[in-house]
Amino acid sequence: MAKKSIIARDAKKNKMIAKDAKKRQELKDLGDFDKLHLMRRNGAPSRHKNRCQETGRPRAYMRTFGLSRISFREHAVKGEIPGITKASW
């Protein structure tokens, strides 16, 4: 599991991204890249990192489920994800 401080930092970045999105889009439409460059970095959408909703793990993230591969497998084996079955042949 990821450290709580890192998960909190990521949540803070996501709030900044949502807050600054409108202003960033206006500056891009005007073509005023000097002012855009002066805005805070953590408000940029490229700073967003997908994380597992359960564990906060940033790697091996599955977008459709919002889980890492480890959490996904645990839920799939328990039958908690509809339509997913473990392959065996």
PDB file of N, CA and C in Angstrom:
ATOM      1  N   MET A   1       0.840  -1.180   0.000  1.00  0.00           N
ATOM      2  CA  MET A   1       0.000   0.000   0.000  1.00  0.00           C
ATOM      3  C   MET A   1       0.882   1.240   0.000  1.00  0.00           C
ATOM      4  N   ALA A   2       0.452   2.220  -0.755  1.00  0.00           N
ATOM      5  CA  ALA A   2       1.206   3.469  -0.844  1.00  0.00           C
ATOM      6  C   ALA A   2       1.106   4.235   0.475  1.00  0.00           C
ATOM      7  N   LYS A   3       2.114   5.066   0.727  1.00  0.00           N
ATOM      8  CA  LYS A   3       2.097   5.883   1.932  1.00  0.00           C
ATOM      9  C   LYS A   3       0.933   6.862   1.878  1.00  0.00           C
ATOM     10  N   LYS A   4       0.344   7.110   3.030  1.00  0.00           N
ATOM     11  CA  LYS A   4      -0.816   7.996   3.085  1.00  0.00           C
ATOM     12  C   LYS A   4      -0.459   9.416   2.670  1.00  0.00           C
ATOM     13  N   SER A   5       0.771   9.819   2.944  1.00  0.00           N
ATOM     14  CA  SER A   5       1.185  11.171   2.561  1.00  0.00           C
ATOM     15  C   SER A   5       1.216  11.338   1.042  1.00  0.00           C
ATOM     16  N   ILE A   6       1.619  10.290   0.338  1.00  0.00           N
ATOM     17  CA  ILE A   6       1.682  10.361  -1.121  1.00  0.00           C
ATOM     18  C   ILE A   6       0.276  10.364  -1.710  1.00  0.00           C
ATOM     19  N   ILE A   7      -0.622   9.572  -1.128  1.00  0.00           N
ATOM     20  CA  ILE A   7      -2.008   9.550  -1.592  1.00  0.00           C
ATOM     21  C   ILE A   7      -2.652  10.917  -1.358  1.00  0.00           C
ATOM     22  N   ALA A   8      -2.374  11.519  -0.197  1.00  0.00           N
ATOM     23  CA  ALA A   8      -2.919  12.842   0.112  1.00  0.00           C
ATOM     24  C   ALA A   8      -2.357  13.900  -0.832  1.00  0.00           C
ATOM     25  N   ARG A   9      -1.082  13.818  -1.136  1.00  0.00           N
ATOM     26  CA  ARG A   9      -0.451  14.769  -2.062  1.00  0.00           C
ATOM     27  C   ARG A   9      -1.082  14.665  -3.445  1.00  0.00           C
ATOM     28  N   ASP A  10      -1.351  13.437  -3.875  1.00  0.00           N
ATOM     29  CA  ASP A  10      -1.956  13.225  -5.180  1.00  0.00           C
ATOM     30  C   ASP A  10      -3.381  13.769  -5.215  1.00  0.00           C
ATOM     31  N   ALA A  11      -4.112  13.603  -4.117  1.00  0.00           N
ATOM     32  CA  ALA A  11      -5.473  14.136  -4.045  1.00  0.00           C
ATOM     33  C   ALA A  11      -5.453  15.661  -4.107  1.00  0.00           C
ATOM     34  N   LYS A  12      -4.464  16.258  -3.464  1.00  0.00           N
ATOM     35  CA  LYS A  12      -4.322  17.713  -3.483  1.00  0.00           C
ATOM     36  C   LYS A  12      -4.035  18.207  -4.907  1.00  0.00           C
ATOM     37  N   LYS A  13      -3.175  17.483  -5.632  1.00  0.00           N
ATOM     38  CA  LYS A  13      -2.880  17.834  -7.021  1.00  0.00           C
ATOM     39  C   LYS A  13      -4.136  17.753  -7.883  1.00  0.00           C
ATOM     40  N   ASN A  14      -4.940  16.710  -7.665  1.00  0.00           N
ATOM     41  CA  ASN A  14      -6.154  16.540  -8.459  1.00  0.00           C
ATOM     42  C   ASN A  14      -7.131  17.687  -8.225  1.00  0.00           C
ATOM     43  N   LYS A  15      -7.203  18.186  -6.987  1.00  0.00           N
ATOM     44  CA  LYS A  15      -8.058  19.343  -6.706  1.00  0.00           C
ATOM     45  C   LYS A  15      -7.550  20.577  -7.431  1.00  0.00           C
ATOM     46  N   MET A  16      -6.219  20.761  -7.444  1.00  0.00           N
ATOM     47  CA  MET A  16      -5.633  21.908  -8.136  1.00  0.00           C
ATOM     48  C   MET A  16      -5.890  21.837  -9.630  1.00  0.00           C
ATOM     49  N   ILE A  17      -5.802  20.643 -10.190  1.00  0.00           N
ATOM     50  CA  ILE A  17      -6.036  20.454 -11.626  1.00  0.00           C
ATOM     51  C   ILE A  17      -7.467  20.856 -11.970  1.00  0.00           C
ATOM     52  N   ALA A  18      -8.421  20.399 -11.150  1.00  0.00           N
ATOM     53  CA  ALA A  18      -9.825  20.734 -11.399  1.00  0.00           C
ATOM     54  C   ALA A  18     -10.072  22.233 -11.243  1.00  0.00           C
ATOM     55  N   LYS A  19      -9.415  22.837 -10.267  1.00  0.00           N
ATOM     56  CA  LYS A  19      -9.599  24.262 -10.000  1.00  0.00           C
ATOM     57  C   LYS A  19      -9.017  25.124 -11.121  1.00  0.00           C
ATOM     58  N   ASP A  20      -7.856  24.758 -11.639  1.00  0.00           N
ATOM     59  CA  ASP A  20      -7.159  25.558 -12.645  1.00  0.00           C
ATOM     60  C   ASP A  20      -7.558  25.252 -14.091  1.00  0.00           C
ATOM     61  N   ALA A  21      -8.389  24.231 -14.309  1.00  0.00           N
ATOM     62  CA  ALA A  21      -8.686  23.777 -15.666  1.00  0.00           C
ATOM     63  C   ALA A  21      -9.312  24.879 -16.522  1.00  0.00           C
ATOM     64  N   LYS A  22     -10.267  25.592 -15.965  1.00  0.00           N
ATOM     65  CA  LYS A  22     -10.966  26.625 -16.737  1.00  0.00           C
ATOM     66  C   LYS A  22     -10.013  27.750 -17.142  1.00  0.00           C
ATOM     67  N   LYS A  23      -9.215  28.217 -16.194  1.00  0.00           N
ATOM     68  CA  LYS A  23      -8.278  29.309 -16.470  1.00  0.00           C
ATOM     69  C   LYS A  23      -7.231  28.888 -17.500  1.00  0.00           C
ATOM     70  N   ARG A  24      -6.724  27.661 -17.369  1.00  0.00           N
ATOM     71  CA  ARG A  24      -5.739  27.148 -18.331  1.00  0.00           C
ATOM     72  C   ARG A  24      -6.322  27.111 -19.739  1.00  0.00           C
ATOM     73  N   GLN A  25      -7.568  26.642 -19.848  1.00  0.00           N
ATOM     74  CA  GLN A  25      -8.194  26.546 -21.165  1.00  0.00           C
ATOM     75  C   GLN A  25      -8.399  27.929 -21.772  1.00  0.00           C
ATOM     76  N   GLU A  26      -8.782  28.906 -20.950  1.00  0.00           N
ATOM     77  CA  GLU A  26      -8.956  30.274 -21.457  1.00  0.00           C
ATOM     78  C   GLU A  26      -7.639  30.832 -21.984  1.00  0.00           C
ATOM     79  N   LEU A  27      -6.556  30.626 -21.236  1.00  0.00           N
ATOM     80  CA  LEU A  27      -5.251  31.128 -21.667  1.00  0.00           C
ATOM     81  C   LEU A  27      -4.776  30.433 -22.941  1.00  0.00           C
ATOM     82  N   LYS A  28      -5.075  29.147 -23.071  1.00  0.00           N
ATOM     83  CA  LYS A  28      -4.696  28.420 -24.287  1.00  0.00           C
ATOM     84  C   LYS A  28      -5.478  28.940 -25.484  1.00  0.00           C
ATOM     85  N   ASP A  29      -6.777  29.209 -25.276  1.00  0.00           N
ATOM     86  CA  ASP A  29      -7.600  29.720 -26.377  1.00  0.00           C
ATOM     87  C   ASP A  29      -7.134  31.096 -26.839  1.00  0.00           C
ATOM     88  N   LEU A  30      -6.699  31.926 -25.891  1.00  0.00           N
ATOM     89  CA  LEU A  30      -6.195  33.259 -26.238  1.00  0.00           C
ATOM     90  C   LEU A  30      -4.792  33.201 -26.844  1.00  0.00           C
ATOM     91  N   GLY A  31      -4.100  32.110 -26.612  1.00  0.00           N
ATOM     92  CA  GLY A  31      -2.730  31.984 -27.100  1.00  0.00           C
ATOM     93  C   GLY A  31      -1.736  32.722 -26.224  1.00  0.00           C
ATOM     94  N   ASP A  32      -2.107  33.005 -24.988  1.00  0.00           N
ATOM     95  CA  ASP A  32      -1.242  33.731 -24.059  1.00  0.00           C
ATOM     96  C   ASP A  32      -0.402  32.731 -23.260  1.00  0.00           C
ATOM     97  N   PHE A  33       0.632  32.216 -23.887  1.00  0.00           N
ATOM     98  CA  PHE A  33       1.438  31.163 -23.270  1.00  0.00           C
ATOM     99  C   PHE A  33       2.394  31.695 -22.209  1.00  0.00           C
ATOM    100  N   ASP A  34       2.643  33.012 -22.208  1.00  0.00           N
ATOM    101  CA  ASP A  34       3.493  33.595 -21.165  1.00  0.00           C
ATOM    102  C   ASP A  34       2.802  33.510 -19.807  1.00  0.00           C
ATOM    103  N   LYS A  35       1.526  33.854 -19.758  1.00  0.00           N
ATOM    104  CA  LYS A  35       0.782  33.763 -18.502  1.00  0.00           C
ATOM    105  C   LYS A  35       0.524  32.307 -18.118  1.00  0.00           C
ATOM    106  N   LEU A  36       0.327  31.486 -19.116  1.00  0.00           N
ATOM    107  CA  LEU A  36       0.120  30.053 -18.860  1.00  0.00           C
ATOM    108  C   LEU A  36       1.359  29.440 -18.227  1.00  0.00           C
ATOM    109  N   HIS A  37       2.501  29.894 -18.682  1.00  0.00           N
ATOM    110  CA  HIS A  37       3.772  29.389 -18.165  1.00  0.00           C
ATOM    111  C   HIS A  37       3.993  29.792 -16.702  1.00  0.00           C
ATOM    112  N   LEU A  38       3.390  30.910 -16.291  1.00  0.00           N
ATOM    113  CA  LEU A  38       3.558  31.402 -14.920  1.00  0.00           C
ATOM    114  C   LEU A  38       2.632  30.722 -13.912  1.00  0.00           C
ATOM    115  N   MET A  39       1.652  29.966 -14.393  1.00  0.00           N
ATOM    116  CA  MET A  39       0.734  29.277 -13.471  1.00  0.00           C
ATOM    117  C   MET A  39       1.467  28.145 -12.750  1.00  0.00           C
ATOM    118  N   ARG A  40       0.889  27.725 -11.628  1.00  0.00           N
ATOM    119  CA  ARG A  40       1.547  26.689 -10.832  1.00  0.00           C
ATOM    120  C   ARG A  40       1.608  25.355 -11.585  1.00  0.00           C
ATOM    121  N   ARG A  41       2.684  24.644 -11.353  1.00  0.00           N
ATOM    122  CA  ARG A  41       2.913  23.397 -12.076  1.00  0.00           C
ATOM    123  C   ARG A  41       1.957  22.287 -11.657  1.00  0.00           C
ATOM    124  N   ASN A  42       1.644  22.216 -10.370  1.00  0.00           N
ATOM    125  CA  ASN A  42       0.782  21.126  -9.897  1.00  0.00           C
ATOM    126  C   ASN A  42      -0.648  21.248 -10.401  1.00  0.00           C
ATOM    127  N   GLY A  43      -0.987  22.336 -11.037  1.00  0.00           N
ATOM    128  CA  GLY A  43      -2.310  22.495 -11.626  1.00  0.00           C
ATOM    129  C   GLY A  43      -2.380  21.983 -13.050  1.00  0.00           C
ATOM    130  N   ALA A  44      -1.258  21.538 -13.581  1.00  0.00           N
ATOM    131  CA  ALA A  44      -1.218  21.036 -14.958  1.00  0.00           C
ATOM    132  C   ALA A  44      -1.782  19.614 -15.022  1.00  0.00           C
ATOM    133  N   PRO A  45      -2.599  19.321 -16.026  1.00  0.00           N
ATOM    134  CA  PRO A  45      -3.193  17.986 -16.134  1.00  0.00           C
ATOM    135  C   PRO A  45      -2.173  16.867 -16.319  1.00  0.00           C
ATOM    136  N   SER A  46      -1.003  17.192 -16.828  1.00  0.00           N
ATOM    137  CA  SER A  46       0.015  16.157 -17.016  1.00  0.00           C
ATOM    138  C   SER A  46       0.599  15.679 -15.688  1.00  0.00           C
ATOM    139  N   ARG A  47       0.313  16.397 -14.603  1.00  0.00           N
ATOM    140  CA  ARG A  47       0.792  15.981 -13.291  1.00  0.00           C
ATOM    141  C   ARG A  47      -0.106  14.924 -12.651  1.00  0.00           C
ATOM    142  N   HIS A  48      -1.253  14.641 -13.275  1.00  0.00           N
ATOM    143  CA  HIS A  48      -2.183  13.648 -12.734  1.00  0.00           C
ATOM    144  C   HIS A  48      -1.595  12.245 -12.856  1.00  0.00           C
ATOM    145  N   LYS A  49      -1.720  11.461 -11.791  1.00  0.00           N
ATOM    146  CA  LYS A  49      -1.231  10.091 -11.788  1.00  0.00           C
ATOM    147  C   LYS A  49      -2.384   9.169 -11.419  1.00  0.00           C
ATOM    148  N   ASN A  50      -2.656   8.199 -12.283  1.00  0.00           N
ATOM    149  CA  ASN A  50      -3.697   7.229 -11.972  1.00  0.00           C
ATOM    150  C   ASN A  50      -3.223   6.318 -10.851  1.00  0.00           C
ATOM    151  N   ARG A  51      -4.077   6.110  -9.854  1.00  0.00           N
ATOM    152  CA  ARG A  51      -3.741   5.257  -8.725  1.00  0.00           C
ATOM    153  C   ARG A  51      -4.895   4.313  -8.426  1.00  0.00           C
ATOM    154  N   CYS A  52      -4.558   3.161  -7.871  1.00  0.00           N
ATOM    155  CA  CYS A  52      -5.553   2.182  -7.453  1.00  0.00           C
ATOM    156  C   CYS A  52      -6.425   2.805  -6.367  1.00  0.00           C
ATOM    157  N   GLN A  53      -7.736   2.605  -6.461  1.00  0.00           N
ATOM    158  CA  GLN A  53      -8.654   3.181  -5.484  1.00  0.00           C
ATOM    159  C   GLN A  53      -8.504   2.537  -4.108  1.00  0.00           C
ATOM    160  N   GLU A  54      -8.102   1.288  -4.070  1.00  0.00           N
ATOM    161  CA  GLU A  54      -7.969   0.572  -2.802  1.00  0.00           C
ATOM    162  C   GLU A  54      -6.622   0.809  -2.132  1.00  0.00           C
ATOM    163  N   THR A  55      -5.565   0.558  -2.886  1.00  0.00           N
ATOM    164  CA  THR A  55      -4.226   0.545  -2.289  1.00  0.00           C
ATOM    165  C   THR A  55      -3.409   1.789  -2.569  1.00  0.00           C
ATOM    166  N   GLY A  56      -3.759   2.537  -3.600  1.00  0.00           N
ATOM    167  CA  GLY A  56      -2.986   3.707  -3.966  1.00  0.00           C
ATOM    168  C   GLY A  56      -1.781   3.379  -4.831  1.00  0.00           C
ATOM    169  N   ARG A  57      -1.683   2.147  -5.283  1.00  0.00           N
ATOM    170  CA  ARG A  57      -0.549   1.721  -6.114  1.00  0.00           C
ATOM    171  C   ARG A  57      -0.602   2.421  -7.474  1.00  0.00           C
ATOM    172  N   PRO A  58       0.518   3.062  -7.905  1.00  0.00           N
ATOM    173  CA  PRO A  58       0.493   3.800  -9.163  1.00  0.00           C
ATOM    174  C   PRO A  58       0.793   2.954 -10.400  1.00  0.00           C
ATOM    175  N   ARG A  59       1.378   1.799 -10.216  1.00  0.00           N
ATOM    176  CA  ARG A  59       1.771   0.983 -11.372  1.00  0.00           C
ATOM    177  C   ARG A  59       0.757  -0.125 -11.617  1.00  0.00           C
ATOM    178  N   ALA A  60       0.740  -0.614 -12.847  1.00  0.00           N
ATOM    179  CA  ALA A  60      -0.154  -1.696 -13.270  1.00  0.00           C
ATOM    180  C   ALA A  60      -1.601  -1.335 -12.987  1.00  0.00           C
ATOM    181  N   TYR A  61      -1.986  -0.111 -13.348  1.00  0.00           N
ATOM    182  CA  TYR A  61      -3.334   0.412 -13.124  1.00  0.00           C
ATOM    183  C   TYR A  61      -4.227   0.044 -14.298  1.00  0.00           C
ATOM    184  N   MET A  62      -5.421  -0.458 -14.010  1.00  0.00           N
ATOM    185  CA  MET A  62      -6.388  -0.802 -15.053  1.00  0.00           C
ATOM    186  C   MET A  62      -7.485   0.263 -15.056  1.00  0.00           C
ATOM    187  N   ARG A  63      -7.554   1.045 -16.113  1.00  0.00           N
ATOM    188  CA  ARG A  63      -8.471   2.182 -16.173  1.00  0.00           C
ATOM    189  C   ARG A  63      -9.936   1.791 -16.040  1.00  0.00           C
ATOM    190  N   THR A  64     -10.321   0.724 -16.719  1.00  0.00           N
ATOM    191  CA  THR A  64     -11.739   0.357 -16.741  1.00  0.00           C
ATOM    192  C   THR A  64     -12.276   0.002 -15.366  1.00  0.00           C
ATOM    193  N   PHE A  65     -11.415  -0.465 -14.488  1.00  0.00           N
ATOM    194  CA  PHE A  65     -11.849  -0.876 -13.155  1.00  0.00           C
ATOM    195  C   PHE A  65     -11.356   0.054 -12.055  1.00  0.00           C
ATOM    196  N   GLY A  66     -10.348   0.863 -12.331  1.00  0.00           N
ATOM    197  CA  GLY A  66      -9.808   1.770 -11.327  1.00  0.00           C
ATOM    198  C   GLY A  66      -8.995   1.055 -10.263  1.00  0.00           C
ATOM    199  N   LEU A  67      -8.480  -0.120 -10.613  1.00  0.00           N
ATOM    200  CA  LEU A  67      -7.728  -0.937  -9.660  1.00  0.00           C
ATOM    201  C   LEU A  67      -6.378  -1.321 -10.240  1.00  0.00           C
ATOM    202  N   SER A  68      -5.458  -1.677  -9.358  1.00  0.00           N
ATOM    203  CA  SER A  68      -4.185  -2.223  -9.813  1.00  0.00           C
ATOM    204  C   SER A  68      -4.397  -3.692 -10.151  1.00  0.00           C
ATOM    205  N   ARG A  69      -3.435  -4.291 -10.796  1.00  0.00           N
ATOM    206  CA  ARG A  69      -3.573  -5.683 -11.218  1.00  0.00           C
ATOM    207  C   ARG A  69      -3.741  -6.620 -10.024  1.00  0.00           C
ATOM    208  N   ILE A  70      -3.112  -6.286  -8.907  1.00  0.00           N
ATOM    209  CA  ILE A  70      -3.176  -7.140  -7.718  1.00  0.00           C
ATOM    210  C   ILE A  70      -4.582  -7.098  -7.110  1.00  0.00           C
ATOM    211  N   SER A  71      -5.112  -5.893  -6.931  1.00  0.00           N
ATOM    212  CA  SER A  71      -6.462  -5.748  -6.381  1.00  0.00           C
ATOM    213  C   SER A  71      -7.491  -6.334  -7.342  1.00  0.00           C
ATOM    214  N   PHE A  72      -7.278  -6.124  -8.641  1.00  0.00           N
ATOM    215  CA  PHE A  72      -8.191  -6.661  -9.637  1.00  0.00           C
ATOM    216  C   PHE A  72      -8.267  -8.178  -9.538  1.00  0.00           C
ATOM    217  N   ARG A  73      -7.116  -8.817  -9.425  1.00  0.00           N
ATOM    218  CA  ARG A  73      -7.081 -10.279  -9.363  1.00  0.00           C
ATOM    219  C   ARG A  73      -7.786 -10.792  -8.109  1.00  0.00           C
ATOM    220  N   GLU A  74      -7.565 -10.129  -6.979  1.00  0.00           N
ATOM    221  CA  GLU A  74      -8.230 -10.543  -5.739  1.00  0.00           C
ATOM    222  C   GLU A  74      -9.748 -10.484  -5.879  1.00  0.00           C
ATOM    223  N   HIS A  75     -10.252  -9.397  -6.450  1.00  0.00           N
ATOM    224  CA  HIS A  75     -11.696  -9.260  -6.628  1.00  0.00           C
ATOM    225  C   HIS A  75     -12.240 -10.233  -7.666  1.00  0.00           C
ATOM    226  N   ALA A  76     -11.480 -10.483  -8.725  1.00  0.00           N
ATOM    227  CA  ALA A  76     -11.924 -11.395  -9.777  1.00  0.00           C
ATOM    228  C   ALA A  76     -12.020 -12.827  -9.251  1.00  0.00           C
ATOM    229  N   VAL A  77     -11.059 -13.248  -8.447  1.00  0.00           N
ATOM    230  CA  VAL A  77     -11.063 -14.602  -7.906  1.00  0.00           C
ATOM    231  C   VAL A  77     -12.240 -14.802  -6.945  1.00  0.00           C
ATOM    232  N   LYS A  78     -12.571 -13.746  -6.190  1.00  0.00           N
ATOM    233  CA  LYS A  78     -13.711 -13.815  -5.261  1.00  0.00           C
ATOM    234  C   LYS A  78     -15.047 -13.744  -5.994  1.00  0.00           C
ATOM    235  N   GLY A  79     -15.030 -13.344  -7.277  1.00  0.00           N
ATOM    236  CA  GLY A  79     -16.258 -13.228  -8.056  1.00  0.00           C
ATOM    237  C   GLY A  79     -16.981 -11.925  -7.828  1.00  0.00           C
ATOM    238  N   GLU A  80     -16.287 -10.901  -7.373  1.00  0.00           N
ATOM    239  CA  GLU A  80     -16.900  -9.618  -7.071  1.00  0.00           C
ATOM    240  C   GLU A  80     -17.007  -8.699  -8.299  1.00  0.00           C
ATOM    241  N   ILE A  81     -16.338  -9.070  -9.391  1.00  0.00           N
ATOM    242  CA  ILE A  81     -16.414  -8.280 -10.618  1.00  0.00           C
ATOM    243  C   ILE A  81     -17.245  -9.053 -11.622  1.00  0.00           C
ATOM    244  N   PRO A  82     -18.418  -8.533 -12.004  1.00  0.00           N
ATOM    245  CA  PRO A  82     -19.289  -9.277 -12.910  1.00  0.00           C
ATOM    246  C   PRO A  82     -18.686  -9.419 -14.295  1.00  0.00           C
ATOM    247  N   GLY A  83     -18.841 -10.615 -14.857  1.00  0.00           N
ATOM    248  CA  GLY A  83     -18.392 -10.889 -16.208  1.00  0.00           C
ATOM    249  C   GLY A  83     -16.939 -11.294 -16.324  1.00  0.00           C
ATOM    250  N   ILE A  84     -16.206 -11.352 -15.211  1.00  0.00           N
ATOM    251  CA  ILE A  84     -14.795 -11.718 -15.237  1.00  0.00           C
ATOM    252  C   ILE A  84     -14.628 -13.114 -14.646  1.00  0.00           C
ATOM    253  N   THR A  85     -14.004 -13.985 -15.412  1.00  0.00           N
ATOM    254  CA  THR A  85     -13.696 -15.329 -14.912  1.00  0.00           C
ATOM    255  C   THR A  85     -12.238 -15.627 -15.173  1.00  0.00           C
ATOM    256  N   LYS A  86     -11.658 -16.437 -14.326  1.00  0.00           N
ATOM    257  CA  LYS A  86     -10.257 -16.799 -14.480  1.00  0.00           C
ATOM    258  C   LYS A  86     -10.141 -17.822 -15.609  1.00  0.00           C
ATOM    259  N   ALA A  87      -9.200 -17.574 -16.499  1.00  0.00           N
ATOM    260  CA  ALA A  87      -9.017 -18.470 -17.645  1.00  0.00           C
ATOM    261  C   ALA A  87      -8.338 -19.758 -17.187  1.00  0.00           C
ATOM    262  N   SER A  88      -8.831 -20.864 -17.703  1.00  0.00           N
ATOM    263  CA  SER A  88      -8.168 -22.153 -17.458  1.00  0.00           C
ATOM    264  C   SER A  88      -8.419 -23.047 -18.668  1.00  0.00           C
ATOM    265  N   TRP A  89      -7.369 -23.624 -19.190  1.00  0.00           N
ATOM    266  CA  TRP A  89      -7.492 -24.498 -20.359  1.00  0.00           C
ATOM    267  C   TRP A  89      -6.527 -25.632 -20.303  1.00  0.00           C
TER     268      TRP A  89
END
